[in-house]
Amino acid sequence: MCELVEVIDERWVEAAETLLGAARDALVVDPADAQQAIGLLRKRRRDFPGTQIVNTTKTRGDWQEPDATSLAAIIATDDIHARAFVNRRLNTVRRVETERELLQYDRAVTEDCLYSSGGSIENRRPAQVHRLGKEASRKNLPMLEERVAEQERTLEQTSTQANRLKDLIADIQRFLEIAAGRSLADLERARQDAGEGVAQIQDNIRSLEGERPVEIRERLEALKVDLAAYEEELEEDERTQRVTGHHVGSASEKLAVAQEEFAKAEASFAERDTLAELAREDALRDFAYLMEEHRKVVPAVRNAAQEQAARARARVTQLLGQAPQKAYAYAHDAGIVEQFDKEAPHEVQLAWLEKQLGAIITNTLGEYREQAEEARASIETSLKTDMLVKLHDRLEGAKRQIRNINRSLQMRPFHGELYRFEVKPDRFFAEIVEIARLVQLNSIDVSTLFDEGANEIEPSLMKGVERIKRMIDEGENVEQISDYRNYLQFELLTTTLDGERVTSDYAKRQGSGSGGEKQVPFYIAMACAMANVCHGAEDNRERLGFGIILFDEAFNALDGGNVNSCLALLREFNLQVLACAPIEKLGVFMEQMDTVLSIRRVGTTTMLYADYLKDEGRRKFREANPANEPFDLFKERFAKDDALAQS
């Protein structure tokens, strides 16, 4: 297999070689010869231990291009069997760079062979020999040369040890040859004589050390006396130094205090002596600075004012020259050029322009005002008509959505009860809802509904028409009248398991219910609201996207059965739940969640355990939980176990 592939990214060579391992030398045979090859391997399996043969009869469907982020993507090959084999081994292994990414995926690997698999991170030993690709031999050459050099060094050391052993053997042989001609008694006497000689030499050394000449001993005694005298003088000097040092330290402290007091007195005297002079000098400096700045600013201000005045005069001159020309152009375009006198003074021309402006406002704009009013009335009528046409569909859509939610809630009991939503029309908008229904049924002509003097509908419904007109005309309640949810009233009810009897409504339950009874409606309402926000516009369940919802201190007042029901309802609504809860909820979460991270802290050490659950694992957790077993079945099983134990 290694001869059929090439590694196209050198950074990941170590990881690919390490994870494939012995599979790099797997034999790739034609599918027609696969059975025969396996038969030969079986007959001679003792001659070829560890040999692998690729099952090419199963590789036809796996030879497609690998995932671009997988480890298989860095291995290229033209052989479909090799491609399929590499995909099967490495296509689910994600290439990652950081430790966080390594913890994120079930199977992942880094360049330096840290491997995530089966819920743990393993430090894989990199492959010693490169096998993948035609260049593998070249890559192995430095390593092989190093091995040869190491073997040569080992051989040299071994040769040196062998020569030493040969010399030792020769010495032993010579000793044996010498000893062969002497008896054991002679050898023992020779050993004793040698020991006596050594003892005599040691006695002589001790004797020489004790017998020093007399003059040397006398000189040593004199030196000892002098040394004792010097030591006494040194001790006396040290005592004198200590006493003197104490007096010097005390005098130094007093001198420092005196110097500090003198410095304070000198500074106080200097401040009192020069304060007025310093203030006068500072004031003179400030005055000189301000005068200098004044001399700089006044010319600049004067120049700026002159420039502004010049620009203003130029603008006035320009406008005086352009105004008659523009007035004449207007008179020409309007066909009244004979009424305008170009040579008249500016005051006369201005009066003529003001007269023309008054005529335009009085006559021409009046015609456009009538057209605009007609357009406004038409738009308002279209707005009211469109609202009524769509209102009924939206109300029915809301009711239909509530019915779908109730069907899901009917399958999820909580603390021995069922929850369901009840929808009623708001009595305040009853006339508007009825008008929308009649419009939908074509029972009234919506085009003339808002005309003045319309009398096609009942007087009771006319109040709804007037209310729509008033709300739109006032412009304050447009949002209220356009939101179909304001026309309905929603109530959350609890019923018996058969659904026949209502036991309580949400308001009463919040006032008198237990902790769990107060929390369940919250989770039901959150599930319905989030499902509507995330998936309200999509009817096809196969096309539903993300619907992430986060809970902290999740389900803290609910028992295991109710937590299971809440999580199952959220899953049925295709909502992805991220929940934080105490460790006591771990067993319940194992029955519903896909991933469970258990975090424990001991002292300053924090430990994190990750569990990735599949359908089978969740099923086994549910079966092992006695709380999920009906009480009747529990009693029956307990009775059988008790009877079996007594027999």
Foldseek 3Di string as FASTA:
>chain_A
DQAFKDFQDVLQQQQLCQQCPLVNQAAEDDLVCQVVVVVVCVVPVVVPPPHHHQNQVPQPVQQDQADCQKPLNRMDGPDSSVSSVSCVRIRQEGEDDDPVVQQVHQWYAYSQGFTHHDQDTDRTDTDLARRHYPCRVVVCVVVVVVVVVVVVVVVVVVVVVVVVVVVVVVVVVVVCVVCVVDDPVVVVVVVVVVVVVVVVVVVVVVVVVVDDDPVVVVVVVVVVVVVVVVVVVVVVVVVVVVVVVVVVVVVVVVVVVVVVVVVVVVVVVVCVVCVVVVVVVVVVVVVVVVVVVVVVVVVVVVVVVVVVVVVVVVVVVVCVVVVLVVLCVVCVVVVNNVVDDSPDDPVVNVVVVVVVVVVCVVPVVVVVVVVVVVVVVVVLLVVVLVLLQCLQVVVVLVVVLQVVLQVLQLVFDAPQKTKGKDKDFDPVLVLSNVSSVCVNVVVDDSSCLQPPPDDPDDPVSVVNSVVSVVCVVVVPCPVVSNDSVNRMDMWMFIGGSVRPGTDDTLVVCCVDNDPLSVVLVVLSVVLSVLLCVQPVVPDDPVPGDEREDEEEQPPVPGDLSSVLSSLVSSVVSVYQYHYHHDPVCVLSCQLRPQKDWDWDDDDNDIDIGIDGDDNVRNVVSLVPDPVNDDPVVVVVVVVVVVVVVVD
